[in-house]
């Protein structure tokens, strides 16, 4: 089996309309929203390049021309090709469509949702994938809950209040490692989370990798402002 170091290609899903992020997405696609002065997709591409990725296929849809122009002008650290979904294919269909344009479809690839701001060891995730002989590996995040929680002792007395603790359950973090055969298993149209992933889970060919470090999905204007505060607080 190929080593983790062989992962040299990736797909970024950037075709969504981002309706919940209006008015930001009235003029730019979701992937180009800026967090602390930096576009999400530029942050992701830099991260992929640092992990050894050489080629990225970006699946675009909403305002695809704006995204293409930005990527062409930004001086990216790796080769970027934009492919455009002429009609919405769903997340699974978008992955299959973009994946079919990979320069080496017979090899392993990363896949990212374009609305995720995170940074962790992608090489460690790839090694985890190889060690478990998985067809697909999901990055598992534990986002902070939007509410404070109450800790109660064994006698039912309130012991403490905790503001926005991490979720006790991991969620799909929108970052993947896929074996080459995943291309044939993805739906042409639709959602892989409702079709391909459940099938692989039953077959014990789906792995999960815990994301250590910062992770946030950028879904609403509130996420934009809060992520900027988080990143500003951790910057040197």
C-alpha atoms as a PDB file:
ATOM      1  CA  UNK A   1       0.000   0.000   0.000  1.00  0.00           C
ATOM      2  CA  UNK A   2       1.189   3.538  -0.793  1.00  0.00           C
ATOM      3  CA  UNK A   3       2.660   5.537   2.040  1.00  0.00           C
ATOM      4  CA  UNK A   4       1.095   8.696   3.441  1.00  0.00           C
ATOM      5  CA  UNK A   5       3.798  10.728   1.683  1.00  0.00           C
ATOM      6  CA  UNK A   6       2.210   9.755  -1.654  1.00  0.00           C
ATOM      7  CA  UNK A   7      -0.793  12.059  -1.121  1.00  0.00           C
ATOM      8  CA  UNK A   8      -0.020  14.817  -3.605  1.00  0.00           C
ATOM      9  CA  UNK A   9      -3.453  15.884  -4.816  1.00  0.00           C
ATOM     10  CA  UNK A  10      -6.646  17.306  -3.375  1.00  0.00           C
ATOM     11  CA  UNK A  11     -10.152  18.510  -4.155  1.00  0.00           C
ATOM     12  CA  UNK A  12     -11.797  21.582  -2.617  1.00  0.00           C
ATOM     13  CA  UNK A  13     -15.599  21.739  -2.827  1.00  0.00           C
ATOM     14  CA  UNK A  14     -16.476  25.381  -3.464  1.00  0.00           C
ATOM     15  CA  UNK A  15     -19.721  25.230  -5.418  1.00  0.00           C
ATOM     16  CA  UNK A  16     -22.316  26.143  -2.780  1.00  0.00           C
ATOM     17  CA  UNK A  17     -24.323  29.386  -2.854  1.00  0.00           C
ATOM     18  CA  UNK A  18     -23.658  30.217   0.806  1.00  0.00           C
ATOM     19  CA  UNK A  19     -27.147  31.676   1.228  1.00  0.00           C
ATOM     20  CA  UNK A  20     -26.835  31.822   5.036  1.00  0.00           C
ATOM     21  CA  UNK A  21     -23.734  34.001   4.655  1.00  0.00           C
ATOM     22  CA  UNK A  22     -25.415  36.832   2.820  1.00  0.00           C
ATOM     23  CA  UNK A  23     -24.624  39.666   2.275  1.00  0.00           C
ATOM     24  CA  UNK A  24     -21.008  38.388   2.081  1.00  0.00           C
ATOM     25  CA  UNK A  25     -21.877  35.896  -0.660  1.00  0.00           C
ATOM     26  CA  UNK A  26     -23.765  38.409  -2.799  1.00  0.00           C
ATOM     27  CA  UNK A  27     -20.459  39.443  -4.380  1.00  0.00           C
ATOM     28  CA  UNK A  28     -17.974  36.644  -3.612  1.00  0.00           C
ATOM     29  CA  UNK A  29     -18.313  32.854  -3.298  1.00  0.00           C
ATOM     30  CA  UNK A  30     -18.238  31.329   0.157  1.00  0.00           C
ATOM     31  CA  UNK A  31     -14.654  30.126  -0.293  1.00  0.00           C
ATOM     32  CA  UNK A  32     -13.453  33.727  -0.696  1.00  0.00           C
ATOM     33  CA  UNK A  33     -14.876  35.083   2.549  1.00  0.00           C
ATOM     34  CA  UNK A  34     -12.087  36.653   4.560  1.00  0.00           C
ATOM     35  CA  UNK A  35     -11.264  35.641   8.114  1.00  0.00           C
ATOM     36  CA  UNK A  36      -8.884  38.068   9.796  1.00  0.00           C
ATOM     37  CA  UNK A  37      -7.941  39.473   6.374  1.00  0.00           C
ATOM     38  CA  UNK A  38      -7.359  36.147   4.588  1.00  0.00           C
ATOM     39  CA  UNK A  39      -9.640  34.220   2.212  1.00  0.00           C
ATOM     40  CA  UNK A  40     -10.638  30.773   3.470  1.00  0.00           C
ATOM     41  CA  UNK A  41      -9.548  29.068   0.250  1.00  0.00           C
ATOM     42  CA  UNK A  42      -6.127  30.760   0.263  1.00  0.00           C
ATOM     43  CA  UNK A  43      -5.607  29.513   3.825  1.00  0.00           C
ATOM     44  CA  UNK A  44      -6.625  26.001   2.771  1.00  0.00           C
ATOM     45  CA  UNK A  45      -4.381  25.922  -0.306  1.00  0.00           C
ATOM     46  CA  UNK A  46      -1.391  27.095   1.724  1.00  0.00           C
ATOM     47  CA  UNK A  47      -2.115  24.354   4.289  1.00  0.00           C
ATOM     48  CA  UNK A  48      -2.325  21.694   1.563  1.00  0.00           C
ATOM     49  CA  UNK A  49       0.935  22.883   0.018  1.00  0.00           C
ATOM     50  CA  UNK A  50       2.664  22.642   3.405  1.00  0.00           C
ATOM     51  CA  UNK A  51       1.447  19.026   3.617  1.00  0.00           C
ATOM     52  CA  UNK A  52       3.111  18.191   0.293  1.00  0.00           C
ATOM     53  CA  UNK A  53       0.132  18.528  -2.055  1.00  0.00           C
ATOM     54  CA  UNK A  54       1.086  19.617  -5.577  1.00  0.00           C
ATOM     55  CA  UNK A  55      -2.251  19.727  -7.402  1.00  0.00           C
ATOM     56  CA  UNK A  56      -5.652  20.984  -6.289  1.00  0.00           C
ATOM     57  CA  UNK A  57      -8.923  20.724  -8.205  1.00  0.00           C
ATOM     58  CA  UNK A  58     -11.470  23.328  -7.106  1.00  0.00           C
ATOM     59  CA  UNK A  59     -15.095  22.485  -7.823  1.00  0.00           C
ATOM     60  CA  UNK A  60     -16.855  25.837  -8.338  1.00  0.00           C
ATOM     61  CA  UNK A  61     -20.437  26.901  -8.988  1.00  0.00           C
ATOM     62  CA  UNK A  62     -21.804  30.133  -7.501  1.00  0.00           C
ATOM     63  CA  UNK A  63     -19.766  33.102  -8.827  1.00  0.00           C
ATOM     64  CA  UNK A  64     -17.254  30.688 -10.355  1.00  0.00           C
ATOM     65  CA  UNK A  65     -15.728  33.419 -12.523  1.00  0.00           C
ATOM     66  CA  UNK A  66     -14.933  35.525  -9.449  1.00  0.00           C
ATOM     67  CA  UNK A  67     -13.268  32.542  -7.775  1.00  0.00           C
ATOM     68  CA  UNK A  68     -11.314  31.603 -10.915  1.00  0.00           C
ATOM     69  CA  UNK A  69     -10.016  35.157 -11.327  1.00  0.00           C
ATOM     70  CA  UNK A  70      -8.962  35.317  -7.674  1.00  0.00           C
ATOM     71  CA  UNK A  71      -7.097  32.017  -7.765  1.00  0.00           C
ATOM     72  CA  UNK A  72      -5.351  32.927 -11.012  1.00  0.00           C
ATOM     73  CA  UNK A  73      -4.178  36.263  -9.604  1.00  0.00           C
ATOM     74  CA  UNK A  74      -3.224  35.128  -6.102  1.00  0.00           C
ATOM     75  CA  UNK A  75       0.064  33.399  -6.964  1.00  0.00           C
ATOM     76  CA  UNK A  76      -0.727  30.031  -5.394  1.00  0.00           C
ATOM     77  CA  UNK A  77       2.023  27.747  -3.997  1.00  0.00           C
ATOM     78  CA  UNK A  78       0.807  24.738  -6.044  1.00  0.00           C
ATOM     79  CA  UNK A  79      -1.044  23.980  -9.264  1.00  0.00           C
ATOM     80  CA  UNK A  80      -4.732  24.899  -9.088  1.00  0.00           C
ATOM     81  CA  UNK A  81      -7.386  23.977 -11.638  1.00  0.00           C
ATOM     82  CA  UNK A  82     -10.980  25.198 -11.388  1.00  0.00           C
ATOM     83  CA  UNK A  83     -13.793  23.032 -12.766  1.00  0.00           C
ATOM     84  CA  UNK A  84     -17.349  24.349 -12.881  1.00  0.00           C
ATOM     85  CA  UNK A  85     -20.526  22.453 -12.028  1.00  0.00           C
ATOM     86  CA  UNK A  86     -23.006  23.540 -14.680  1.00  0.00           C
ATOM     87  CA  UNK A  87     -25.822  22.379 -12.422  1.00  0.00           C
ATOM     88  CA  UNK A  88     -25.780  21.536  -8.683  1.00  0.00           C
ATOM     89  CA  UNK A  89     -24.575  17.967  -8.124  1.00  0.00           C
ATOM     90  CA  UNK A  90     -24.710  17.816  -4.333  1.00  0.00           C
ATOM     91  CA  UNK A  91     -21.647  17.305  -2.176  1.00  0.00           C
ATOM     92  CA  UNK A  92     -21.093  13.698  -3.222  1.00  0.00           C
ATOM     93  CA  UNK A  93     -21.653  14.494  -6.884  1.00  0.00           C
ATOM     94  CA  UNK A  94     -19.350  17.497  -6.615  1.00  0.00           C
ATOM     95  CA  UNK A  95     -16.584  15.333  -5.157  1.00  0.00           C
ATOM     96  CA  UNK A  96     -16.993  12.768  -7.929  1.00  0.00           C
ATOM     97  CA  UNK A  97     -17.026  15.445 -10.636  1.00  0.00           C
ATOM     98  CA  UNK A  98     -13.932  17.232  -9.305  1.00  0.00           C
ATOM     99  CA  UNK A  99     -12.176  13.961  -8.472  1.00  0.00           C
ATOM    100  CA  UNK A 100     -12.518  12.821 -12.073  1.00  0.00           C
ATOM    101  CA  UNK A 101     -10.222  15.736 -13.023  1.00  0.00           C
ATOM    102  CA  UNK A 102      -7.396  14.781 -10.650  1.00  0.00           C
ATOM    103  CA  UNK A 103      -4.059  14.370 -12.439  1.00  0.00           C
ATOM    104  CA  UNK A 104      -3.536  10.936 -10.832  1.00  0.00           C
ATOM    105  CA  UNK A 105      -6.992   9.449 -10.134  1.00  0.00           C
ATOM    106  CA  UNK A 106      -5.375   6.096  -9.391  1.00  0.00           C
ATOM    107  CA  UNK A 107      -3.772   7.544  -6.239  1.00  0.00           C
ATOM    108  CA  UNK A 108      -4.988   8.731  -2.819  1.00  0.00           C
ATOM    109  CA  UNK A 109      -6.371  12.260  -2.453  1.00  0.00           C
ATOM    110  CA  UNK A 110      -7.473  14.773   0.148  1.00  0.00           C
ATOM    111  CA  UNK A 111     -10.870  16.488  -0.039  1.00  0.00           C
ATOM    112  CA  UNK A 112     -11.999  19.623   1.801  1.00  0.00           C
ATOM    113  CA  UNK A 113     -15.209  21.588   2.150  1.00  0.00           C
ATOM    114  CA  UNK A 114     -14.376  25.205   1.327  1.00  0.00           C
ATOM    115  CA  UNK A 115     -16.134  26.642   4.397  1.00  0.00           C
ATOM    116  CA  UNK A 116     -13.816  25.086   7.006  1.00  0.00           C
ATOM    117  CA  UNK A 117     -11.103  27.019   8.832  1.00  0.00           C
ATOM    118  CA  UNK A 118      -8.726  24.618  10.515  1.00  0.00           C
ATOM    119  CA  UNK A 119      -5.110  23.633  10.790  1.00  0.00           C
ATOM    120  CA  UNK A 120      -3.824  20.224  11.865  1.00  0.00           C
ATOM    121  CA  UNK A 121      -1.354  17.577  10.690  1.00  0.00           C
ATOM    122  CA  UNK A 122      -2.642  16.301   7.346  1.00  0.00           C
ATOM    123  CA  UNK A 123       0.280  13.913   7.009  1.00  0.00           C
ATOM    124  CA  UNK A 124      -0.706  12.277  10.300  1.00  0.00           C
ATOM    125  CA  UNK A 125      -4.266  11.931   8.996  1.00  0.00           C
ATOM    126  CA  UNK A 126      -2.978  10.297   5.791  1.00  0.00           C
ATOM    127  CA  UNK A 127      -0.864   7.864   7.844  1.00  0.00           C
ATOM    128  CA  UNK A 128      -3.913   7.026   9.982  1.00  0.00           C
ATOM    129  CA  UNK A 129      -5.847   6.293   6.769  1.00  0.00           C
ATOM    130  CA  UNK A 130      -3.144   3.961   5.427  1.00  0.00           C
ATOM    131  CA  UNK A 131      -2.672   2.115   8.718  1.00  0.00           C
ATOM    132  CA  UNK A 132      -6.374   1.242   8.855  1.00  0.00           C
ATOM    133  CA  UNK A 133      -6.602   0.139   5.207  1.00  0.00           C
ATOM    134  CA  UNK A 134      -9.534   2.525   4.838  1.00  0.00           C
ATOM    135  CA  UNK A 135     -11.296   3.542   1.654  1.00  0.00           C
ATOM    136  CA  UNK A 136     -12.195   6.867   3.262  1.00  0.00           C
ATOM    137  CA  UNK A 137     -11.115   8.667   6.422  1.00  0.00           C
ATOM    138  CA  UNK A 138     -13.100  11.510   7.968  1.00  0.00           C
ATOM    139  CA  UNK A 139     -11.559  14.294  10.033  1.00  0.00           C
ATOM    140  CA  UNK A 140     -13.572  14.333  13.265  1.00  0.00           C
ATOM    141  CA  UNK A 141     -14.094  17.717  14.930  1.00  0.00           C
ATOM    142  CA  UNK A 142     -15.519  18.614  18.321  1.00  0.00           C
ATOM    143  CA  UNK A 143     -16.926  22.126  17.905  1.00  0.00           C
ATOM    144  CA  UNK A 144     -17.754  24.262  20.890  1.00  0.00           C
ATOM    145  CA  UNK A 145     -21.389  24.153  21.910  1.00  0.00           C
ATOM    146  CA  UNK A 146     -23.341  27.410  21.492  1.00  0.00           C
ATOM    147  CA  UNK A 147     -24.585  27.248  25.104  1.00  0.00           C
ATOM    148  CA  UNK A 148     -23.046  27.040  28.530  1.00  0.00           C
ATOM    149  CA  UNK A 149     -23.581  23.814  30.455  1.00  0.00           C
ATOM    150  CA  UNK A 150     -24.191  22.953  34.084  1.00  0.00           C
ATOM    151  CA  UNK A 151     -22.132  20.356  35.940  1.00  0.00           C
ATOM    152  CA  UNK A 152     -24.029  18.453  38.629  1.00  0.00           C
ATOM    153  CA  UNK A 153     -22.512  16.262  41.338  1.00  0.00           C
ATOM    154  CA  UNK A 154     -23.700  12.816  42.417  1.00  0.00           C
ATOM    155  CA  UNK A 155     -26.215  14.364  44.830  1.00  0.00           C
ATOM    156  CA  UNK A 156     -27.858  16.502  42.167  1.00  0.00           C
ATOM    157  CA  UNK A 157     -26.270  19.737  43.362  1.00  0.00           C
ATOM    158  CA  UNK A 158     -24.932  22.253  40.858  1.00  0.00           C
ATOM    159  CA  UNK A 159     -21.141  22.109  41.015  1.00  0.00           C
ATOM    160  CA  UNK A 160     -20.094  24.477  38.230  1.00  0.00           C
ATOM    161  CA  UNK A 161     -21.038  26.385  35.090  1.00  0.00           C
ATOM    162  CA  UNK A 162     -18.973  25.883  31.933  1.00  0.00           C
ATOM    163  CA  UNK A 163     -19.231  28.316  29.019  1.00  0.00           C
ATOM    164  CA  UNK A 164     -19.276  26.823  25.508  1.00  0.00           C
ATOM    165  CA  UNK A 165     -17.543  23.488  26.179  1.00  0.00           C
ATOM    166  CA  UNK A 166     -16.474  21.218  23.300  1.00  0.00           C
ATOM    167  CA  UNK A 167     -19.190  18.887  22.059  1.00  0.00           C
ATOM    168  CA  UNK A 168     -19.050  15.483  23.789  1.00  0.00           C
ATOM    169  CA  UNK A 169     -19.585  13.859  20.390  1.00  0.00           C
ATOM    170  CA  UNK A 170     -17.323  14.199  17.322  1.00  0.00           C
ATOM    171  CA  UNK A 171     -18.831  15.420  14.062  1.00  0.00           C
ATOM    172  CA  UNK A 172     -17.812  15.164  10.417  1.00  0.00           C
ATOM    173  CA  UNK A 173     -15.279  17.986  10.090  1.00  0.00           C
ATOM    174  CA  UNK A 174     -15.473  18.263   6.295  1.00  0.00           C
ATOM    175  CA  UNK A 175     -11.861  17.105   5.738  1.00  0.00           C
ATOM    176  CA  UNK A 176     -11.243  13.712   4.101  1.00  0.00           C
ATOM    177  CA  UNK A 177      -8.636  11.286   2.835  1.00  0.00           C
ATOM    178  CA  UNK A 178      -9.912   9.088  -0.016  1.00  0.00           C
ATOM    179  CA  UNK A 179      -8.393   5.997  -1.602  1.00  0.00           C
ATOM    180  CA  UNK A 180      -8.499   5.887  -5.414  1.00  0.00           C
ATOM    181  CA  UNK A 181     -11.469   3.493  -5.420  1.00  0.00           C
ATOM    182  CA  UNK A 182     -13.616   6.120  -3.696  1.00  0.00           C
ATOM    183  CA  UNK A 183     -14.245   7.777  -7.071  1.00  0.00           C
ATOM    184  CA  UNK A 184     -16.302   4.802  -8.215  1.00  0.00           C
ATOM    185  CA  UNK A 185     -18.274   4.715  -4.963  1.00  0.00           C
ATOM    186  CA  UNK A 186     -19.358   8.368  -4.887  1.00  0.00           C
ATOM    187  CA  UNK A 187     -22.817   9.226  -6.245  1.00  0.00           C
ATOM    188  CA  UNK A 188     -23.048  11.121  -9.527  1.00  0.00           C
ATOM    189  CA  UNK A 189     -25.632  13.379  -7.910  1.00  0.00           C
ATOM    190  CA  UNK A 190     -26.435  13.593  -4.214  1.00  0.00           C
ATOM    191  CA  UNK A 191     -24.829  13.424  -0.806  1.00  0.00           C
ATOM    192  CA  UNK A 192     -22.045  10.949  -0.014  1.00  0.00           C
ATOM    193  CA  UNK A 193     -22.839  11.233   3.704  1.00  0.00           C
ATOM    194  CA  UNK A 194     -26.186   9.552   3.124  1.00  0.00           C
ATOM    195  CA  UNK A 195     -25.072   6.948   0.611  1.00  0.00           C
ATOM    196  CA  UNK A 196     -21.380   6.103   0.364  1.00  0.00           C
ATOM    197  CA  UNK A 197     -20.334   6.717   3.963  1.00  0.00           C
ATOM    198  CA  UNK A 198     -23.040   4.524   5.573  1.00  0.00           C
ATOM    199  CA  UNK A 199     -22.136   1.706   3.164  1.00  0.00           C
ATOM    200  CA  UNK A 200     -18.428   1.965   3.968  1.00  0.00           C
ATOM    201  CA  UNK A 201     -19.187   2.102   7.692  1.00  0.00           C
ATOM    202  CA  UNK A 202     -21.131  -1.179   7.476  1.00  0.00           C
ATOM    203  CA  UNK A 203     -18.179  -2.715   5.640  1.00  0.00           C
ATOM    204  CA  UNK A 204     -15.729  -1.378   8.287  1.00  0.00           C
ATOM    205  CA  UNK A 205     -13.835   0.508   5.576  1.00  0.00           C
ATOM    206  CA  UNK A 206     -14.490   4.018   6.939  1.00  0.00           C
ATOM    207  CA  UNK A 207     -12.034   5.496   9.448  1.00  0.00           C
ATOM    208  CA  UNK A 208     -12.197   8.556  11.690  1.00  0.00           C
ATOM    209  CA  UNK A 209      -9.260  10.810  12.577  1.00  0.00           C
ATOM    210  CA  UNK A 210      -9.594  13.162  15.580  1.00  0.00           C
ATOM    211  CA  UNK A 211      -8.777  16.757  14.686  1.00  0.00           C
ATOM    212  CA  UNK A 212      -6.519  18.281  17.309  1.00  0.00           C
ATOM    213  CA  UNK A 213      -6.427  22.054  17.293  1.00  0.00           C
ATOM    214  CA  UNK A 214      -8.648  24.837  16.005  1.00  0.00           C
ATOM    215  CA  UNK A 215     -11.619  23.972  13.778  1.00  0.00           C
ATOM    216  CA  UNK A 216     -14.609  26.037  12.740  1.00  0.00           C
ATOM    217  CA  UNK A 217     -17.245  25.807  10.019  1.00  0.00           C
ATOM    218  CA  UNK A 218     -18.010  29.224   8.501  1.00  0.00           C
ATOM    219  CA  UNK A 219     -21.776  29.059   7.955  1.00  0.00           C
ATOM    220  CA  UNK A 220     -23.142  32.428   9.138  1.00  0.00           C
ATOM    221  CA  UNK A 221     -21.952  36.038   9.552  1.00  0.00           C
ATOM    222  CA  UNK A 222     -21.599  35.302  13.267  1.00  0.00           C
ATOM    223  CA  UNK A 223     -19.083  32.547  12.450  1.00  0.00           C
ATOM    224  CA  UNK A 224     -17.058  35.035  10.396  1.00  0.00           C
ATOM    225  CA  UNK A 225     -16.777  37.525  13.246  1.00  0.00           C
ATOM    226  CA  UNK A 226     -16.181  34.920  15.947  1.00  0.00           C
ATOM    227  CA  UNK A 227     -13.525  33.084  13.912  1.00  0.00           C
ATOM    228  CA  UNK A 228     -11.735  36.393  13.327  1.00  0.00           C
ATOM    229  CA  UNK A 229     -11.716  37.014  17.076  1.00  0.00           C
ATOM    230  CA  UNK A 230     -10.441  33.482  17.759  1.00  0.00           C
ATOM    231  CA  UNK A 231      -7.647  33.778  15.218  1.00  0.00           C
ATOM    232  CA  UNK A 232      -6.701  37.252  16.400  1.00  0.00           C
ATOM    233  CA  UNK A 233      -6.477  35.987  19.971  1.00  0.00           C
ATOM    234  CA  UNK A 234      -4.077  33.182  18.989  1.00  0.00           C
ATOM    235  CA  UNK A 235      -1.892  35.191  16.590  1.00  0.00           C
ATOM    236  CA  UNK A 236       1.586  36.150  17.843  1.00  0.00           C
END
